Amino acid sequence: MASPFAARLRKKFAAVGFGVRSTATQADASVPTITSGTGIPSASEANGSVYMRTDGTDGDDSLYVRIAGSWVAHKGETA
């Protein structure tokens, strides 16, 4: 059963993608994003951005992080 907290916020956080600001005045170009999609990410997002690949085949190609201006696959383990 989902927690009451998760149930209360689920609809409010559903979005195509969203940014995470560290301050109210942070410039849009430097705001890390959280997005998902198929294939290897190609968008030029801010460093620290996270991309969840919906067609990944294992823990090595399902999650990407933007580091130093490049998308880097997070190497993980499958359960």
PDB file of N, CA and C in Angstrom:
ATOM      1  N   MET A   1       0.839  -1.182   0.000  1.00  0.00           N
ATOM      2  CA  MET A   1       0.000   0.000   0.000  1.00  0.00           C
ATOM      3  C   MET A   1       0.881   1.241   0.000  1.00  0.00           C
ATOM      4  N   ALA A   2       0.543   2.198  -0.850  1.00  0.00           N
ATOM      5  CA  ALA A   2       1.320   3.437  -0.939  1.00  0.00           C
ATOM      6  C   ALA A   2       1.146   4.261   0.332  1.00  0.00           C
ATOM      7  N   SER A   3       2.174   4.991   0.666  1.00  0.00           N
ATOM      8  CA  SER A   3       2.093   5.839   1.853  1.00  0.00           C
ATOM      9  C   SER A   3       1.136   7.003   1.591  1.00  0.00           C
ATOM     10  N   PRO A   4       0.511   7.540   2.636  1.00  0.00           N
ATOM     11  CA  PRO A   4      -0.365   8.700   2.454  1.00  0.00           C
ATOM     12  C   PRO A   4       0.378   9.880   1.835  1.00  0.00           C
ATOM     13  N   PHE A   5       1.656  10.051   2.191  1.00  0.00           N
ATOM     14  CA  PHE A   5       2.464  11.131   1.619  1.00  0.00           C
ATOM     15  C   PHE A   5       2.568  10.975   0.105  1.00  0.00           C
ATOM     16  N   ALA A   6       2.898   9.780  -0.353  1.00  0.00           N
ATOM     17  CA  ALA A   6       3.039   9.540  -1.794  1.00  0.00           C
ATOM     18  C   ALA A   6       1.710   9.723  -2.510  1.00  0.00           C
ATOM     19  N   ALA A   7       0.637   9.236  -1.935  1.00  0.00           N
ATOM     20  CA  ALA A   7      -0.682   9.362  -2.559  1.00  0.00           C
ATOM     21  C   ALA A   7      -1.090  10.829  -2.681  1.00  0.00           C
ATOM     22  N   ARG A   8      -0.772  11.636  -1.684  1.00  0.00           N
ATOM     23  CA  ARG A   8      -1.145  13.047  -1.677  1.00  0.00           C
ATOM     24  C   ARG A   8      -0.372  13.835  -2.742  1.00  0.00           C
ATOM     25  N   LEU A   9       0.863  13.469  -3.005  1.00  0.00           N
ATOM     26  CA  LEU A   9       1.695  14.232  -3.933  1.00  0.00           C
ATOM     27  C   LEU A   9       1.761  13.673  -5.347  1.00  0.00           C
ATOM     28  N   ARG A  10       1.298  12.469  -5.554  1.00  0.00           N
ATOM     29  CA  ARG A  10       1.453  11.806  -6.854  1.00  0.00           C
ATOM     30  C   ARG A  10       0.973  12.663  -8.013  1.00  0.00           C
ATOM     31  N   LYS A  11      -0.233  13.162  -7.972  1.00  0.00           N
ATOM     32  CA  LYS A  11      -0.770  13.935  -9.093  1.00  0.00           C
ATOM     33  C   LYS A  11      -0.074  15.277  -9.249  1.00  0.00           C
ATOM     34  N   LYS A  12       0.354  15.891  -8.166  1.00  0.00           N
ATOM     35  CA  LYS A  12       0.979  17.198  -8.245  1.00  0.00           C
ATOM     36  C   LYS A  12       2.353  17.142  -8.891  1.00  0.00           C
ATOM     37  N   PHE A  13       3.026  16.001  -8.832  1.00  0.00           N
ATOM     38  CA  PHE A  13       4.377  15.895  -9.368  1.00  0.00           C
ATOM     39  C   PHE A  13       4.430  15.210 -10.730  1.00  0.00           C
ATOM     40  N   ALA A  14       3.328  14.776 -11.252  1.00  0.00           N
ATOM     41  CA  ALA A  14       3.328  14.149 -12.565  1.00  0.00           C
ATOM     42  C   ALA A  14       3.582  15.230 -13.620  1.00  0.00           C
ATOM     43  N   ALA A  15       4.626  15.040 -14.417  1.00  0.00           N
ATOM     44  CA  ALA A  15       4.987  16.032 -15.413  1.00  0.00           C
ATOM     45  C   ALA A  15       5.850  15.387 -16.484  1.00  0.00           C
ATOM     46  N   VAL A  16       6.025  16.076 -17.596  1.00  0.00           N
ATOM     47  CA  VAL A  16       6.886  15.588 -18.658  1.00  0.00           C
ATOM     48  C   VAL A  16       8.334  15.555 -18.190  1.00  0.00           C
ATOM     49  N   GLY A  17       8.731  16.505 -17.435  1.00  0.00           N
ATOM     50  CA  GLY A  17      10.065  16.615 -16.864  1.00  0.00           C
ATOM     51  C   GLY A  17      10.056  17.809 -15.938  1.00  0.00           C
ATOM     52  N   PHE A  18      10.989  17.875 -15.041  1.00  0.00           N
ATOM     53  CA  PHE A  18      11.008  19.046 -14.179  1.00  0.00           C
ATOM     54  C   PHE A  18      12.425  19.366 -13.752  1.00  0.00           C
ATOM     55  N   GLY A  19      12.609  20.611 -13.320  1.00  0.00           N
ATOM     56  CA  GLY A  19      13.910  21.076 -12.876  1.00  0.00           C
ATOM     57  C   GLY A  19      13.952  21.171 -11.360  1.00  0.00           C
ATOM     58  N   VAL A  20      15.160  21.126 -10.825  1.00  0.00           N
ATOM     59  CA  VAL A  20      15.357  21.202  -9.385  1.00  0.00           C
ATOM     60  C   VAL A  20      16.261  22.395  -9.101  1.00  0.00           C
ATOM     61  N   ARG A  21      15.682  23.469  -8.611  1.00  0.00           N
ATOM     62  CA  ARG A  21      16.431  24.700  -8.341  1.00  0.00           C
ATOM     63  C   ARG A  21      17.037  24.664  -6.946  1.00  0.00           C
ATOM     64  N   SER A  22      18.248  25.193  -6.814  1.00  0.00           N
ATOM     65  CA  SER A  22      18.861  25.299  -5.492  1.00  0.00           C
ATOM     66  C   SER A  22      18.505  26.617  -4.817  1.00  0.00           C
ATOM     67  N   THR A  23      18.109  27.615  -5.620  1.00  0.00           N
ATOM     68  CA  THR A  23      17.639  28.900  -5.095  1.00  0.00           C
ATOM     69  C   THR A  23      16.511  29.397  -5.990  1.00  0.00           C
ATOM     70  N   ALA A  24      15.735  30.322  -5.484  1.00  0.00           N
ATOM     71  CA  ALA A  24      14.617  30.863  -6.266  1.00  0.00           C
ATOM     72  C   ALA A  24      15.087  31.677  -7.463  1.00  0.00           C
ATOM     73  N   THR A  25      16.304  32.163  -7.420  1.00  0.00           N
ATOM     74  CA  THR A  25      16.817  33.025  -8.495  1.00  0.00           C
ATOM     75  C   THR A  25      17.808  32.323  -9.419  1.00  0.00           C
ATOM     76  N   GLN A  26      17.969  31.023  -9.279  1.00  0.00           N
ATOM     77  CA  GLN A  26      18.913  30.282 -10.121  1.00  0.00           C
ATOM     78  C   GLN A  26      18.518  30.412 -11.591  1.00  0.00           C
ATOM     79  N   ALA A  27      19.490  30.684 -12.453  1.00  0.00           N
ATOM     80  CA  ALA A  27      19.237  30.837 -13.886  1.00  0.00           C
ATOM     81  C   ALA A  27      18.744  29.524 -14.493  1.00  0.00           C
ATOM     82  N   ASP A  28      17.773  29.608 -15.390  1.00  0.00           N
ATOM     83  CA  ASP A  28      17.200  28.414 -16.013  1.00  0.00           C
ATOM     84  C   ASP A  28      18.252  27.511 -16.645  1.00  0.00           C
ATOM     85  N   ALA A  29      19.268  28.097 -17.274  1.00  0.00           N
ATOM     86  CA  ALA A  29      20.283  27.310 -17.978  1.00  0.00           C
ATOM     87  C   ALA A  29      21.108  26.437 -17.039  1.00  0.00           C
ATOM     88  N   SER A  30      21.119  26.745 -15.758  1.00  0.00           N
ATOM     89  CA  SER A  30      21.919  25.959 -14.817  1.00  0.00           C
ATOM     90  C   SER A  30      21.078  25.063 -13.910  1.00  0.00           C
ATOM     91  N   VAL A  31      19.786  24.944 -14.199  1.00  0.00           N
ATOM     92  CA  VAL A  31      18.893  24.122 -13.379  1.00  0.00           C
ATOM     93  C   VAL A  31      18.934  22.670 -13.873  1.00  0.00           C
ATOM     94  N   PRO A  32      19.392  21.722 -13.041  1.00  0.00           N
ATOM     95  CA  PRO A  32      19.377  20.316 -13.434  1.00  0.00           C
ATOM     96  C   PRO A  32      17.938  19.828 -13.625  1.00  0.00           C
ATOM     97  N   THR A  33      17.750  18.925 -14.570  1.00  0.00           N
ATOM     98  CA  THR A  33      16.425  18.398 -14.862  1.00  0.00           C
ATOM     99  C   THR A  33      16.352  16.903 -14.589  1.00  0.00           C
ATOM    100  N   ILE A  34      15.138  16.418 -14.464  1.00  0.00           N
ATOM    101  CA  ILE A  34      14.876  14.980 -14.355  1.00  0.00           C
ATOM    102  C   ILE A  34      13.882  14.646 -15.456  1.00  0.00           C
ATOM    103  N   THR A  35      14.319  13.819 -16.418  1.00  0.00           N
ATOM    104  CA  THR A  35      13.484  13.475 -17.563  1.00  0.00           C
ATOM    105  C   THR A  35      13.597  11.985 -17.864  1.00  0.00           C
ATOM    106  N   SER A  36      12.760  11.529 -18.788  1.00  0.00           N
ATOM    107  CA  SER A  36      12.824  10.125 -19.217  1.00  0.00           C
ATOM    108  C   SER A  36      12.487  10.048 -20.692  1.00  0.00           C
ATOM    109  N   GLY A  37      12.823   8.913 -21.301  1.00  0.00           N
ATOM    110  CA  GLY A  37      12.514   8.703 -22.700  1.00  0.00           C
ATOM    111  C   GLY A  37      13.224   7.467 -23.228  1.00  0.00           C
ATOM    112  N   THR A  38      13.099   7.251 -24.533  1.00  0.00           N
ATOM    113  CA  THR A  38      13.747   6.111 -25.160  1.00  0.00           C
ATOM    114  C   THR A  38      15.052   6.551 -25.803  1.00  0.00           C
ATOM    115  N   GLY A  39      15.978   5.638 -25.903  1.00  0.00           N
ATOM    116  CA  GLY A  39      17.253   5.923 -26.539  1.00  0.00           C
ATOM    117  C   GLY A  39      18.207   6.679 -25.641  1.00  0.00           C
ATOM    118  N   ILE A  40      19.397   6.882 -26.163  1.00  0.00           N
ATOM    119  CA  ILE A  40      20.436   7.597 -25.434  1.00  0.00           C
ATOM    120  C   ILE A  40      20.079   9.086 -25.421  1.00  0.00           C
ATOM    121  N   PRO A  41      20.212   9.757 -24.267  1.00  0.00           N
ATOM    122  CA  PRO A  41      19.848  11.175 -24.210  1.00  0.00           C
ATOM    123  C   PRO A  41      20.761  12.023 -25.091  1.00  0.00           C
ATOM    124  N   SER A  42      20.183  13.061 -25.681  1.00  0.00           N
ATOM    125  CA  SER A  42      20.981  13.943 -26.537  1.00  0.00           C
ATOM    126  C   SER A  42      20.747  15.416 -26.220  1.00  0.00           C
ATOM    127  N   ALA A  43      19.762  15.732 -25.402  1.00  0.00           N
ATOM    128  CA  ALA A  43      19.463  17.126 -25.077  1.00  0.00           C
ATOM    129  C   ALA A  43      20.609  17.750 -24.293  1.00  0.00           C
ATOM    130  N   SER A  44      20.842  19.015 -24.529  1.00  0.00           N
ATOM    131  CA  SER A  44      21.897  19.736 -23.826  1.00  0.00           C
ATOM    132  C   SER A  44      21.313  20.297 -22.531  1.00  0.00           C
ATOM    133  N   GLU A  45      21.353  19.522 -21.478  1.00  0.00           N
ATOM    134  CA  GLU A  45      20.814  19.917 -20.176  1.00  0.00           C
ATOM    135  C   GLU A  45      21.948  20.378 -19.269  1.00  0.00           C
ATOM    136  N   ALA A  46      21.577  20.960 -18.133  1.00  0.00           N
ATOM    137  CA  ALA A  46      22.572  21.414 -17.155  1.00  0.00           C
ATOM    138  C   ALA A  46      23.260  20.219 -16.509  1.00  0.00           C
ATOM    139  N   ASN A  47      24.513  20.414 -16.095  1.00  0.00           N
ATOM    140  CA  ASN A  47      25.218  19.359 -15.360  1.00  0.00           C
ATOM    141  C   ASN A  47      24.416  18.994 -14.112  1.00  0.00           C
ATOM    142  N   GLY A  48      24.410  17.722 -13.766  1.00  0.00           N
ATOM    143  CA  GLY A  48      23.629  17.231 -12.635  1.00  0.00           C
ATOM    144  C   GLY A  48      22.273  16.702 -13.042  1.00  0.00           C
ATOM    145  N   SER A  49      21.891  16.873 -14.310  1.00  0.00           N
ATOM    146  CA  SER A  49      20.604  16.379 -14.782  1.00  0.00           C
ATOM    147  C   SER A  49      20.590  14.855 -14.807  1.00  0.00           C
ATOM    148  N   VAL A  50      19.401  14.280 -14.675  1.00  0.00           N
ATOM    149  CA  VAL A  50      19.221  12.833 -14.652  1.00  0.00           C
ATOM    150  C   VAL A  50      18.241  12.454 -15.760  1.00  0.00           C
ATOM    151  N   TYR A  51      18.557  11.392 -16.493  1.00  0.00           N
ATOM    152  CA  TYR A  51      17.704  10.878 -17.568  1.00  0.00           C
ATOM    153  C   TYR A  51      17.470   9.390 -17.321  1.00  0.00           C
ATOM    154  N   MET A  52      16.205   9.002 -17.255  1.00  0.00           N
ATOM    155  CA  MET A  52      15.845   7.596 -17.049  1.00  0.00           C
ATOM    156  C   MET A  52      15.398   7.015 -18.391  1.00  0.00           C
ATOM    157  N   ARG A  53      16.173   6.092 -18.904  1.00  0.00           N
ATOM    158  CA  ARG A  53      15.910   5.501 -20.210  1.00  0.00           C
ATOM    159  C   ARG A  53      14.876   4.384 -20.072  1.00  0.00           C
ATOM    160  N   THR A  54      13.734   4.550 -20.720  1.00  0.00           N
ATOM    161  CA  THR A  54      12.640   3.592 -20.564  1.00  0.00           C
ATOM    162  C   THR A  54      12.821   2.327 -21.396  1.00  0.00           C
ATOM    163  N   ASP A  55      13.756   2.328 -22.333  1.00  0.00           N
ATOM    164  CA  ASP A  55      14.002   1.125 -23.123  1.00  0.00           C
ATOM    165  C   ASP A  55      15.366   0.504 -22.806  1.00  0.00           C
ATOM    166  N   GLY A  56      15.931   0.846 -21.659  1.00  0.00           N
ATOM    167  CA  GLY A  56      17.204   0.261 -21.243  1.00  0.00           C
ATOM    168  C   GLY A  56      17.058  -1.240 -21.028  1.00  0.00           C
ATOM    169  N   THR A  57      18.119  -1.964 -21.279  1.00  0.00           N
ATOM    170  CA  THR A  57      18.042  -3.422 -21.166  1.00  0.00           C
ATOM    171  C   THR A  57      18.640  -3.964 -19.883  1.00  0.00           C
ATOM    172  N   ASP A  58      19.450  -3.157 -19.184  1.00  0.00           N
ATOM    173  CA  ASP A  58      20.017  -3.612 -17.914  1.00  0.00           C
ATOM    174  C   ASP A  58      20.430  -2.405 -17.082  1.00  0.00           C
ATOM    175  N   GLY A  59      21.056  -2.653 -15.961  1.00  0.00           N
ATOM    176  CA  GLY A  59      21.453  -1.585 -15.063  1.00  0.00           C
ATOM    177  C   GLY A  59      22.553  -0.699 -15.601  1.00  0.00           C
ATOM    178  N   ASP A  60      23.173  -1.076 -16.714  1.00  0.00           N
ATOM    179  CA  ASP A  60      24.266  -0.280 -17.273  1.00  0.00           C
ATOM    180  C   ASP A  60      23.811   0.731 -18.320  1.00  0.00           C
ATOM    181  N   ASP A  61      22.578   0.670 -18.776  1.00  0.00           N
ATOM    182  CA  ASP A  61      22.137   1.636 -19.785  1.00  0.00           C
ATOM    183  C   ASP A  61      20.734   2.181 -19.506  1.00  0.00           C
ATOM    184  N   SER A  62      20.309   2.147 -18.267  1.00  0.00           N
ATOM    185  CA  SER A  62      18.976   2.628 -17.923  1.00  0.00           C
ATOM    186  C   SER A  62      18.965   3.990 -17.251  1.00  0.00           C
ATOM    187  N   LEU A  63      20.094   4.432 -16.713  1.00  0.00           N
ATOM    188  CA  LEU A  63      20.159   5.698 -16.008  1.00  0.00           C
ATOM    189  C   LEU A  63      21.384   6.483 -16.475  1.00  0.00           C
ATOM    190  N   TYR A  64      21.168   7.744 -16.844  1.00  0.00           N
ATOM    191  CA  TYR A  64      22.244   8.615 -17.303  1.00  0.00           C
ATOM    192  C   TYR A  64      22.282   9.866 -16.452  1.00  0.00           C
ATOM    193  N   VAL A  65      23.485  10.399 -16.250  1.00  0.00           N
ATOM    194  CA  VAL A  65      23.692  11.632 -15.496  1.00  0.00           C
ATOM    195  C   VAL A  65      24.536  12.570 -16.351  1.00  0.00           C
ATOM    196  N   ARG A  66      24.191  13.842 -16.340  1.00  0.00           N
ATOM    197  CA  ARG A  66      24.948  14.845 -17.108  1.00  0.00           C
ATOM    198  C   ARG A  66      26.123  15.321 -16.264  1.00  0.00           C
ATOM    199  N   ILE A  67      27.345  15.020 -16.711  1.00  0.00           N
ATOM    200  CA  ILE A  67      28.562  15.371 -15.986  1.00  0.00           C
ATOM    201  C   ILE A  67      29.513  16.065 -16.951  1.00  0.00           C
ATOM    202  N   ALA A  68      29.998  17.232 -16.568  1.00  0.00           N
ATOM    203  CA  ALA A  68      30.968  17.995 -17.372  1.00  0.00           C
ATOM    204  C   ALA A  68      30.523  18.154 -18.825  1.00  0.00           C
ATOM    205  N   GLY A  69      29.213  18.413 -19.032  1.00  0.00           N
ATOM    206  CA  GLY A  69      28.692  18.664 -20.368  1.00  0.00           C
ATOM    207  C   GLY A  69      28.434  17.432 -21.214  1.00  0.00           C
ATOM    208  N   SER A  70      28.533  16.227 -20.636  1.00  0.00           N
ATOM    209  CA  SER A  70      28.290  14.984 -21.382  1.00  0.00           C
ATOM    210  C   SER A  70      27.345  14.078 -20.602  1.00  0.00           C
ATOM    211  N   TRP A  71      26.556  13.295 -21.325  1.00  0.00           N
ATOM    212  CA  TRP A  71      25.709  12.290 -20.689  1.00  0.00           C
ATOM    213  C   TRP A  71      26.558  11.055 -20.410  1.00  0.00           C
ATOM    214  N   VAL A  72      26.542  10.583 -19.175  1.00  0.00           N
ATOM    215  CA  VAL A  72      27.329   9.430 -18.751  1.00  0.00           C
ATOM    216  C   VAL A  72      26.373   8.371 -18.213  1.00  0.00           C
ATOM    217  N   ALA A  73      26.475   7.155 -18.739  1.00  0.00           N
ATOM    218  CA  ALA A  73      25.630   6.069 -18.240  1.00  0.00           C
ATOM    219  C   ALA A  73      26.088   5.692 -16.833  1.00  0.00           C
ATOM    220  N   HIS A  74      25.142   5.590 -15.935  1.00  0.00           N
ATOM    221  CA  HIS A  74      25.444   5.167 -14.569  1.00  0.00           C
ATOM    222  C   HIS A  74      25.538   3.648 -14.584  1.00  0.00           C
ATOM    223  N   LYS A  75      26.680   3.123 -14.252  1.00  0.00           N
ATOM    224  CA  LYS A  75      26.875   1.670 -14.243  1.00  0.00           C
ATOM    225  C   LYS A  75      26.277   1.097 -12.965  1.00  0.00           C
ATOM    226  N   GLY A  76      25.324   0.226 -13.118  1.00  0.00           N
ATOM    227  CA  GLY A  76      24.656  -0.358 -11.961  1.00  0.00           C
ATOM    228  C   GLY A  76      24.560  -1.854 -12.071  1.00  0.00           C
ATOM    229  N   GLU A  77      23.831  -2.413 -11.162  1.00  0.00           N
ATOM    230  CA  GLU A  77      23.625  -3.858 -11.158  1.00  0.00           C
ATOM    231  C   GLU A  77      22.144  -4.143 -11.329  1.00  0.00           C
ATOM    232  N   THR A  78      21.838  -5.226 -11.976  1.00  0.00           N
ATOM    233  CA  THR A  78      20.455  -5.653 -12.085  1.00  0.00           C
ATOM    234  C   THR A  78      20.156  -6.605 -10.946  1.00  0.00           C
ATOM    235  N   ALA A  79      18.931  -6.592 -10.507  1.00  0.00           N
ATOM    236  CA  ALA A  79      18.543  -7.448  -9.386  1.00  0.00           C
ATOM    237  C   ALA A  79      18.216  -8.851  -9.853  1.00  0.00           C
TER     238      ALA A  79
END
